[in-house]
C-alpha atoms as a PDB file:
ATOM      1  CA  VAL A   1       0.000   0.000   0.000  1.00  0.00           C
ATOM      2  CA  GLN A   2       1.325   3.425  -0.948  1.00  0.00           C
ATOM      3  CA  PRO A   3       1.934   5.555   2.201  1.00  0.00           C
ATOM      4  CA  ASN A   4      -0.996   7.894   1.359  1.00  0.00           C
ATOM      5  CA  GLY A   5      -3.352   4.875   1.275  1.00  0.00           C
ATOM      6  CA  ARG A   6      -4.715   5.761  -2.183  1.00  0.00           C
ATOM      7  CA  PHE A   7      -2.897   3.063  -4.195  1.00  0.00           C
ATOM      8  CA  VAL A   8      -2.111  -0.644  -3.855  1.00  0.00           C
ATOM      9  CA  TYR A   9       0.568  -2.586  -5.732  1.00  0.00           C
ATOM     10  CA  VAL A  10       0.580  -6.320  -6.525  1.00  0.00           C
ATOM     11  CA  ALA A  11       3.289  -8.434  -8.201  1.00  0.00           C
ATOM     12  CA  ASN A  12       2.416 -10.688 -11.153  1.00  0.00           C
ATOM     13  CA  ARG A  13       5.134 -13.231 -11.801  1.00  0.00           C
ATOM     14  CA  ALA A  14       5.836 -15.953 -14.318  1.00  0.00           C
ATOM     15  CA  ASN A  15       8.947 -18.081 -14.676  1.00  0.00           C
ATOM     16  CA  GLY A  16       7.791 -21.270 -16.390  1.00  0.00           C
ATOM     17  CA  THR A  17      10.085 -22.716 -19.013  1.00  0.00           C
ATOM     18  CA  THR A  18       9.922 -24.789 -22.156  1.00  0.00           C
ATOM     19  CA  GLU A  19      12.648 -26.542 -24.122  1.00  0.00           C
ATOM     20  CA  PHE A  20      14.320 -24.853 -27.100  1.00  0.00           C
ATOM     21  CA  GLN A  21      17.550 -26.074 -28.729  1.00  0.00           C
ATOM     22  CA  GLY A  22      18.202 -28.327 -25.733  1.00  0.00           C
ATOM     23  CA  GLN A  23      17.868 -25.487 -23.209  1.00  0.00           C
ATOM     24  CA  ARG A  24      15.127 -24.448 -20.783  1.00  0.00           C
ATOM     25  CA  VAL A  25      13.866 -21.003 -21.881  1.00  0.00           C
ATOM     26  CA  PHE A  26      11.089 -18.707 -20.622  1.00  0.00           C
ATOM     27  CA  ALA A  27       7.693 -20.035 -21.726  1.00  0.00           C
ATOM     28  CA  GLY A  28       5.877 -16.694 -21.504  1.00  0.00           C
ATOM     29  CA  GLY A  29       3.657 -14.910 -19.042  1.00  0.00           C
ATOM     30  CA  GLU A  30       3.410 -11.624 -17.244  1.00  0.00           C
ATOM     31  CA  ASN A  31       6.055 -10.191 -14.925  1.00  0.00           C
ATOM     32  CA  SER A  32       4.687  -6.872 -13.771  1.00  0.00           C
ATOM     33  CA  ILE A  33       3.509  -4.722 -10.933  1.00  0.00           C
ATOM     34  CA  ALA A  34      -0.241  -4.155 -11.091  1.00  0.00           C
ATOM     35  CA  VAL A  35      -1.300  -0.749  -9.797  1.00  0.00           C
ATOM     36  CA  PHE A  36      -4.722  -0.241  -8.243  1.00  0.00           C
ATOM     37  CA  ALA A  37      -6.381   3.014  -7.195  1.00  0.00           C
ATOM     38  CA  VAL A  38      -8.325   2.593  -3.956  1.00  0.00           C
ATOM     39  CA  ASP A  39     -11.747   4.278  -3.710  1.00  0.00           C
ATOM     40  CA  GLN A  40     -11.473   6.319  -0.517  1.00  0.00           C
ATOM     41  CA  GLN A  41     -15.183   5.901   0.261  1.00  0.00           C
ATOM     42  CA  THR A  42     -15.643   2.167  -0.342  1.00  0.00           C
ATOM     43  CA  GLY A  43     -12.078   0.777  -0.293  1.00  0.00           C
ATOM     44  CA  GLU A  44     -12.709  -0.879  -3.662  1.00  0.00           C
ATOM     45  CA  PRO A  45      -9.605  -1.210  -5.857  1.00  0.00           C
ATOM     46  CA  THR A  46      -9.615  -0.298  -9.571  1.00  0.00           C
ATOM     47  CA  LEU A  47      -6.802  -1.471 -11.855  1.00  0.00           C
ATOM     48  CA  ILE A  48      -5.025   1.499 -13.463  1.00  0.00           C
ATOM     49  CA  GLN A  49      -1.715   0.057 -14.738  1.00  0.00           C
ATOM     50  CA  HIS A  50       0.422  -3.018 -15.384  1.00  0.00           C
ATOM     51  CA  ALA A  51       4.070  -1.866 -15.150  1.00  0.00           C
ATOM     52  CA  ASP A  52       6.615  -4.245 -16.718  1.00  0.00           C
ATOM     53  CA  ALA A  53       8.981  -5.440 -13.961  1.00  0.00           C
ATOM     54  CA  HIS A  54      11.931  -5.547 -16.420  1.00  0.00           C
ATOM     55  CA  GLY A  55      12.890  -8.996 -15.125  1.00  0.00           C
ATOM     56  CA  PHE A  56      11.450 -12.329 -14.071  1.00  0.00           C
ATOM     57  CA  SER A  57       9.575 -13.320 -10.913  1.00  0.00           C
ATOM     58  CA  PRO A  58       9.115  -9.955  -9.179  1.00  0.00           C
ATOM     59  CA  ARG A  59       9.153 -11.674  -5.799  1.00  0.00           C
ATOM     60  CA  THR A  60       9.138  -8.694  -3.459  1.00  0.00           C
ATOM     61  CA  PHE A  61       8.954  -4.943  -3.791  1.00  0.00           C
ATOM     62  CA  ALA A  62       9.006  -1.940  -1.487  1.00  0.00           C
ATOM     63  CA  ILE A  63       7.974   1.708  -1.509  1.00  0.00           C
ATOM     64  CA  ASP A  64      10.249   4.253   0.107  1.00  0.00           C
ATOM     65  CA  PRO A  65       8.816   6.088   3.147  1.00  0.00           C
ATOM     66  CA  SER A  66       8.150   9.233   1.069  1.00  0.00           C
ATOM     67  CA  GLY A  67       6.031   7.195  -1.370  1.00  0.00           C
ATOM     68  CA  ARG A  68       8.005   8.469  -4.382  1.00  0.00           C
ATOM     69  CA  LEU A  69      10.093   5.394  -5.303  1.00  0.00           C
ATOM     70  CA  LEU A  70       9.310   1.691  -5.652  1.00  0.00           C
ATOM     71  CA  ILE A  71      11.998  -0.984  -5.941  1.00  0.00           C
ATOM     72  CA  VAL A  72      11.281  -4.463  -7.319  1.00  0.00           C
ATOM     73  CA  ASN A  73      13.296  -7.627  -6.680  1.00  0.00           C
ATOM     74  CA  ASN A  74      13.257  -9.723  -9.890  1.00  0.00           C
ATOM     75  CA  SER A  75      14.455 -12.962  -8.325  1.00  0.00           C
ATOM     76  CA  SER A  76      14.799 -15.422 -11.217  1.00  0.00           C
ATOM     77  CA  PRO A  77      17.556 -15.439 -13.819  1.00  0.00           C
ATOM     78  CA  LEU A  78      16.212 -17.088 -16.980  1.00  0.00           C
ATOM     79  CA  LEU A  79      17.143 -17.881 -20.542  1.00  0.00           C
ATOM     80  CA  VAL A  80      14.980 -16.157 -23.174  1.00  0.00           C
ATOM     81  CA  ARG A  81      14.409 -17.172 -26.770  1.00  0.00           C
ATOM     82  CA  GLU A  82      14.860 -14.414 -29.356  1.00  0.00           C
ATOM     83  CA  LYS A  83      14.035 -15.882 -32.782  1.00  0.00           C
ATOM     84  CA  ASP A  84      16.691 -18.575 -33.281  1.00  0.00           C
ATOM     85  CA  ALA A  85      18.981 -17.385 -30.475  1.00  0.00           C
ATOM     86  CA  VAL A  86      18.955 -17.703 -26.687  1.00  0.00           C
ATOM     87  CA  ARG A  87      20.096 -14.990 -24.280  1.00  0.00           C
ATOM     88  CA  SER A  88      20.374 -14.803 -20.524  1.00  0.00           C
ATOM     89  CA  VAL A  89      18.395 -12.360 -18.364  1.00  0.00           C
ATOM     90  CA  LEU A  90      19.932 -11.897 -14.916  1.00  0.00           C
ATOM     91  CA  GLN A  91      18.137 -11.453 -11.619  1.00  0.00           C
ATOM     92  CA  SER A  92      17.836  -7.746 -10.900  1.00  0.00           C
ATOM     93  CA  LEU A  93      16.465  -4.811  -8.985  1.00  0.00           C
ATOM     94  CA  SER A  94      14.201  -2.440 -10.931  1.00  0.00           C
ATOM     95  CA  VAL A  95      13.564   1.083  -9.697  1.00  0.00           C
ATOM     96  CA  PHE A  96      10.387   3.057 -10.479  1.00  0.00           C
ATOM     97  CA  ARG A  97       9.173   6.579  -9.778  1.00  0.00           C
ATOM     98  CA  VAL A  98       5.712   6.643  -8.199  1.00  0.00           C
ATOM     99  CA  GLY A  99       3.598   9.425  -9.716  1.00  0.00           C
ATOM    100  CA  GLY A 100       0.998  11.479  -7.900  1.00  0.00           C
ATOM    101  CA  ASP A 101      -1.593   9.348  -9.700  1.00  0.00           C
ATOM    102  CA  GLY A 102       0.017   6.152  -8.336  1.00  0.00           C
ATOM    103  CA  ARG A 103       1.349   5.073 -11.741  1.00  0.00           C
ATOM    104  CA  LEU A 104       4.885   3.743 -12.051  1.00  0.00           C
ATOM    105  CA  THR A 105       7.567   5.089 -14.384  1.00  0.00           C
ATOM    106  CA  PHE A 106      10.574   2.835 -14.936  1.00  0.00           C
ATOM    107  CA  LEU A 107      13.868   4.535 -14.015  1.00  0.00           C
ATOM    108  CA  ARG A 108      16.636   1.943 -13.941  1.00  0.00           C
ATOM    109  CA  LYS A 109      17.479  -1.746 -13.674  1.00  0.00           C
ATOM    110  CA  TYR A 110      20.416  -3.139 -11.704  1.00  0.00           C
ATOM    111  CA  ASP A 111      21.419  -6.614 -12.928  1.00  0.00           C
ATOM    112  CA  GLN A 112      22.935  -9.024 -10.427  1.00  0.00           C
ATOM    113  CA  GLU A 113      24.727 -12.177 -11.517  1.00  0.00           C
ATOM    114  CA  ALA A 114      23.800 -15.194  -9.398  1.00  0.00           C
ATOM    115  CA  LYS A 115      26.571 -17.372  -8.038  1.00  0.00           C
ATOM    116  CA  GLY A 116      25.586 -21.022  -7.826  1.00  0.00           C
ATOM    117  CA  THR A 117      22.143 -21.187  -6.289  1.00  0.00           C
ATOM    118  CA  ASP A 118      22.247 -17.650  -4.804  1.00  0.00           C
ATOM    119  CA  ARG A 119      19.053 -15.676  -5.458  1.00  0.00           C
ATOM    120  CA  PHE A 120      17.504 -12.384  -4.392  1.00  0.00           C
ATOM    121  CA  PHE A 121      14.554 -13.060  -2.108  1.00  0.00           C
ATOM    122  CA  TRP A 122      13.840  -9.702  -0.526  1.00  0.00           C
ATOM    123  CA  ALA A 123      13.886  -6.002  -1.379  1.00  0.00           C
ATOM    124  CA  GLY A 124      13.177  -3.174   1.004  1.00  0.00           C
ATOM    125  CA  MET A 125      13.888   0.440   1.849  1.00  0.00           C
ATOM    126  CA  VAL A 126      14.657   2.169   5.104  1.00  0.00           C
ATOM    127  CA  PRO A 127      14.734   5.884   5.865  1.00  0.00           C
ATOM    128  CA  LEU A 128      18.151   7.457   6.362  1.00  0.00           C
ATOM    129  CA  PRO A 129      18.754   9.522   9.507  1.00  0.00           C
END
């Protein structure tokens, strides 16, 4: 929930694979943050945006205390098919600006190479003194 209580964010994640050229590659699906406006009278949410997470399996995300930034932990590195080629997409952190209307604007992605079975499982923000 955004600190002002007017917006709610939900992660949609997909990381299923299929075989291509002897490798397991992403089978498709949505990896996004769904943005909902919350009716202040009834509490009913209304979908206003699906923001691409710019990675796979947006496992956790956090909003900074000011409500102006949202960071997403894309926890799964995957292989992706591009026509007849395969490329690797690393696990990452994606940073978004939160607009006054609750919508997200992508700012930057920070790739992180996994070592062995290491994976990101949590993302958060804390206020600085």
